[in-house]
């Protein structure tokens, strides 16, 4: 995407929503039942990618927030991760529904890389409780979804991770992410590909890699902010 056109669309979205600025803050969801603080280097690495490839201003420090916080609505992007049980209170579920209905994007990444693991199963139950109507509320996201062209182009859908290719977890390369849409936009993106571990390295070491594996994070941020 042309940077000038991107910034114009971002500025227009800012005016339309009457926000004072379009500075990006990396918000992480804290929940009491699991290891929500796993992969501590993800924030700095994602911020580095946003700064490197876009002209979006960023806050330098990670924000940790709960789903029932009144301040949650200030953050268009919310990162969630872990290996263990996911359980929300009624207030937290209500907060997440309100967040999604107001245009926020929750990106939930399963560190187990396992569709039948504890995180995967319990997160699905919580999404059903919060958003469901008696059916499986999370559907596969089409590989042609605008998420995969929001900034960088991913014509084959979500990029693979080294954990999938190395056979860790359920030994499956997952061909799609899952999501929940509200008002014509993705409000929840669920990944069993373990992007959190894929991005959990010092951003200073990115120059030693043959390719930058944080580019998909830029798409998530740009999609959430526009």
Protein backbone atom coordinates (compact mmCIF):
# COMPACT_ATOMS: atom_id res chain seq x y z
CA UNK A 1 0.00 0.00 0.00
CA UNK A 2 1.21 3.52 -0.84
CA UNK A 3 2.25 5.24 2.39
CA UNK A 4 0.60 8.55 1.53
CA UNK A 5 -2.73 6.90 0.76
CA UNK A 6 -2.43 4.81 3.91
CA UNK A 7 -1.86 7.87 6.09
CA UNK A 8 -4.74 9.71 4.45
CA UNK A 9 -7.09 6.81 5.15
CA UNK A 10 -5.79 6.59 8.71
CA UNK A 11 -6.30 10.31 9.27
CA UNK A 12 -9.81 10.08 7.82
CA UNK A 13 -10.64 7.22 10.17
CA UNK A 14 -9.32 9.30 13.08
CA UNK A 15 -11.52 12.25 12.19
CA UNK A 16 -14.54 10.01 11.64
CA UNK A 17 -14.23 8.50 15.11
CA UNK A 18 -13.36 11.86 16.75
CA UNK A 19 -10.16 10.51 18.28
CA UNK A 20 -7.57 13.07 19.45
CA UNK A 21 -4.73 11.20 17.69
CA UNK A 22 -3.98 7.93 15.95
CA UNK A 23 -0.99 6.94 18.04
CA UNK A 24 -0.72 3.18 18.37
CA UNK A 25 -0.43 1.58 21.79
CA UNK A 26 0.24 -2.14 22.18
CA UNK A 27 -2.32 -3.31 24.75
CA UNK A 28 -2.05 -6.75 26.34
CA UNK A 29 -5.02 -8.46 27.99
CA UNK A 30 -4.51 -9.61 31.57
CA UNK A 31 -6.78 -12.43 32.73
CA UNK A 32 -6.50 -14.23 36.06
CA UNK A 33 -6.84 -17.84 34.93
CA UNK A 34 -3.73 -18.23 32.77
CA UNK A 35 -0.23 -17.13 31.82
CA UNK A 36 -1.29 -13.90 30.09
CA UNK A 37 2.21 -12.39 30.37
CA UNK A 38 3.98 -15.03 28.26
CA UNK A 39 6.18 -13.88 25.34
CA UNK A 40 7.29 -10.56 26.88
CA UNK A 41 9.31 -9.40 23.85
CA UNK A 42 6.36 -9.37 21.45
CA UNK A 43 5.40 -5.77 22.18
CA UNK A 44 8.81 -4.25 21.40
CA UNK A 45 9.15 -6.35 18.26
CA UNK A 46 5.71 -5.41 16.94
CA UNK A 47 6.32 -1.73 17.71
CA UNK A 48 9.63 -1.94 15.85
CA UNK A 49 7.83 -3.33 12.79
CA UNK A 50 5.16 -0.62 12.91
CA UNK A 51 7.83 2.09 13.11
CA UNK A 52 9.97 0.47 10.42
CA UNK A 53 7.26 0.02 7.80
CA UNK A 54 4.63 2.68 8.52
CA UNK A 55 4.48 6.25 9.75
CA UNK A 56 2.07 5.48 12.59
CA UNK A 57 3.22 7.14 15.84
CA UNK A 58 3.61 4.62 18.66
CA UNK A 59 3.69 4.57 22.42
CA UNK A 60 6.94 3.01 23.57
CA UNK A 61 5.64 0.90 26.46
CA UNK A 62 3.20 -1.96 26.60
CA UNK A 63 -0.15 -1.31 28.25
CA UNK A 64 -1.54 -4.12 30.41
CA UNK A 65 -5.31 -4.00 30.83
CA UNK A 66 -8.24 -6.18 31.89
CA UNK A 67 -11.38 -6.83 29.89
CA UNK A 68 -13.61 -5.13 32.46
CA UNK A 69 -11.57 -1.91 32.51
CA UNK A 70 -13.35 1.27 31.50
CA UNK A 71 -10.16 2.30 29.68
CA UNK A 72 -10.22 -0.69 27.31
CA UNK A 73 -12.19 1.22 24.67
CA UNK A 74 -9.22 3.56 24.13
CA UNK A 75 -7.15 0.80 22.48
CA UNK A 76 -8.12 -0.39 18.99
CA UNK A 77 -5.82 -3.45 19.22
CA UNK A 78 -5.69 -5.94 22.09
CA UNK A 79 -3.19 -8.81 22.28
CA UNK A 80 -3.97 -11.97 24.23
CA UNK A 81 -1.83 -15.07 24.66
CA UNK A 82 -1.14 -18.05 26.91
CA UNK A 83 -1.00 -21.83 27.28
CA UNK A 84 -3.43 -22.43 30.10
CA UNK A 85 -7.08 -22.08 31.04
CA UNK A 86 -9.05 -19.08 29.79
CA UNK A 87 -11.86 -17.99 32.09
CA UNK A 88 -13.58 -14.62 32.19
CA UNK A 89 -16.01 -13.19 34.69
CA UNK A 90 -19.39 -11.90 33.54
CA UNK A 91 -18.03 -8.35 33.76
CA UNK A 92 -15.04 -9.30 31.63
CA UNK A 93 -17.22 -10.95 28.99
CA UNK A 94 -19.45 -7.91 28.89
CA UNK A 95 -16.37 -5.70 28.53
CA UNK A 96 -15.06 -7.74 25.61
CA UNK A 97 -18.43 -7.65 23.84
CA UNK A 98 -18.60 -3.89 24.31
CA UNK A 99 -15.02 -3.57 23.05
CA UNK A 100 -15.74 -5.54 19.88
CA UNK A 101 -19.08 -3.83 19.25
CA UNK A 102 -17.29 -0.47 19.44
CA UNK A 103 -14.76 -1.50 16.78
CA UNK A 104 -11.88 -2.96 18.79
CA UNK A 105 -9.86 -5.95 17.59
CA UNK A 106 -8.88 -8.74 19.99
CA UNK A 107 -6.02 -10.88 18.65
CA UNK A 108 -5.88 -14.10 20.64
CA UNK A 109 -2.84 -16.29 19.99
CA UNK A 110 -2.54 -19.82 21.38
CA UNK A 111 1.03 -20.58 22.46
CA UNK A 112 0.24 -24.31 22.53
CA UNK A 113 -0.21 -24.45 18.75
CA UNK A 114 -2.86 -27.07 19.38
CA UNK A 115 -6.51 -26.97 18.33
CA UNK A 116 -7.41 -29.38 21.13
CA UNK A 117 -5.28 -27.85 23.85
CA UNK A 118 -6.54 -26.24 27.02
CA UNK A 119 -6.18 -22.65 25.80
CA UNK A 120 -7.92 -23.42 22.49
CA UNK A 121 -10.85 -25.25 24.03
CA UNK A 122 -11.42 -22.86 26.92
CA UNK A 123 -11.08 -19.74 24.75
CA UNK A 124 -13.67 -21.14 22.33
CA UNK A 125 -16.04 -21.74 25.26
CA UNK A 126 -15.58 -18.17 26.47
CA UNK A 127 -16.25 -16.73 23.01
CA UNK A 128 -19.40 -18.85 22.83
CA UNK A 129 -20.54 -17.53 26.18
CA UNK A 130 -19.82 -13.94 25.18
CA UNK A 131 -20.92 -13.87 21.53
CA UNK A 132 -22.65 -17.15 20.76
CA UNK A 133 -26.20 -17.93 19.83
CA UNK A 134 -26.12 -21.72 20.09
CA UNK A 135 -23.70 -22.39 17.23
CA UNK A 136 -19.94 -22.33 16.80
CA UNK A 137 -19.37 -18.58 16.94
CA UNK A 138 -15.81 -18.54 15.55
CA UNK A 139 -15.62 -19.13 11.81
CA UNK A 140 -12.62 -19.58 9.54
CA UNK A 141 -11.39 -16.30 8.09
CA UNK A 142 -11.19 -16.43 4.31
CA UNK A 143 -7.67 -16.15 2.96
CA UNK A 144 -9.03 -13.40 0.71
CA UNK A 145 -10.12 -11.31 3.68
CA UNK A 146 -8.94 -7.65 3.68
CA UNK A 147 -6.85 -8.47 6.76
CA UNK A 148 -4.34 -10.15 4.45
CA UNK A 149 -3.94 -7.07 2.28
CA UNK A 150 -4.31 -4.33 4.90
CA UNK A 151 -0.66 -3.36 4.38
CA UNK A 152 1.51 -6.25 3.21
CA UNK A 153 0.06 -8.79 0.78
CA UNK A 154 -0.45 -12.34 1.99
CA UNK A 155 -2.23 -14.00 -0.97
CA UNK A 156 -2.12 -17.44 0.69
CA UNK A 157 -3.61 -16.25 3.95
CA UNK A 158 -1.87 -16.34 7.33
CA UNK A 159 1.91 -16.88 7.12
CA UNK A 160 3.25 -20.12 8.53
CA UNK A 161 5.32 -20.21 11.72
CA UNK A 162 8.45 -22.17 12.50
CA UNK A 163 6.54 -24.01 15.25
CA UNK A 164 4.11 -25.40 12.70
CA UNK A 165 6.84 -26.34 10.26
CA UNK A 166 8.90 -28.02 12.99
CA UNK A 167 5.97 -30.18 14.06
CA UNK A 168 5.57 -28.71 17.53
CA UNK A 169 2.15 -28.92 19.20
CA UNK A 170 -0.47 -30.73 17.15
CA UNK A 171 1.90 -31.22 14.18
CA UNK A 172 -0.47 -29.36 11.84
CA UNK A 173 0.13 -26.38 9.59
CA UNK A 174 -3.13 -24.47 10.06
CA UNK A 175 -4.40 -23.04 6.79
CA UNK A 176 -6.66 -20.37 8.27
CA UNK A 177 -7.29 -18.21 11.29
CA UNK A 178 -10.67 -17.98 12.97
CA UNK A 179 -12.64 -14.87 13.75
CA UNK A 180 -15.78 -13.17 14.94
CA UNK A 181 -17.25 -10.35 12.87
CA UNK A 182 -19.44 -7.55 14.13
CA UNK A 183 -20.79 -4.66 12.08
CA UNK A 184 -18.94 -5.86 9.00
CA UNK A 185 -15.52 -5.97 10.66
CA UNK A 186 -13.41 -8.54 12.43
CA UNK A 187 -13.65 -8.01 16.17
CA UNK A 188 -11.86 -11.19 17.27
CA UNK A 189 -9.01 -12.95 15.48
CA UNK A 190 -7.98 -16.32 16.93
CA UNK A 191 -4.71 -18.00 15.95
CA UNK A 192 -3.48 -21.51 16.73
CA UNK A 193 -0.26 -20.79 14.82
CA UNK A 194 1.72 -19.44 17.82
CA UNK A 195 2.70 -16.06 16.44
CA UNK A 196 3.52 -14.97 19.98
CA UNK A 197 6.50 -17.32 20.24
CA UNK A 198 7.42 -16.53 16.63
CA UNK A 199 7.71 -12.82 17.50
CA UNK A 200 9.23 -13.25 20.97
CA UNK A 201 12.80 -12.19 20.24
CA UNK A 202 14.71 -8.94 20.56
CA UNK A 203 13.88 -6.57 17.72
CA UNK A 204 17.62 -5.84 17.49
CA UNK A 205 18.18 -9.36 16.15
CA UNK A 206 15.76 -8.89 13.28
CA UNK A 207 18.59 -7.70 11.02
CA UNK A 208 20.15 -11.16 11.22
CA UNK A 209 17.05 -12.88 9.82
CA UNK A 210 16.70 -13.69 6.13
CA UNK A 211 13.10 -12.41 6.23
CA UNK A 212 11.08 -10.41 8.72
CA UNK A 213 8.43 -12.61 10.31
CA UNK A 214 6.69 -9.68 12.06
CA UNK A 215 5.16 -8.25 8.88
CA UNK A 216 1.82 -9.91 9.55
CA UNK A 217 1.69 -8.06 12.87
CA UNK A 218 1.74 -4.82 10.86
CA UNK A 219 -1.36 -5.98 8.98
CA UNK A 220 -3.15 -6.65 12.25
CA UNK A 221 -2.28 -3.20 13.58
CA UNK A 222 -3.23 -1.38 10.38
CA UNK A 223 -6.51 -3.32 10.11
CA UNK A 224 -7.35 -2.52 13.73
CA UNK A 225 -6.60 1.19 13.32
CA UNK A 226 -8.43 1.76 10.06
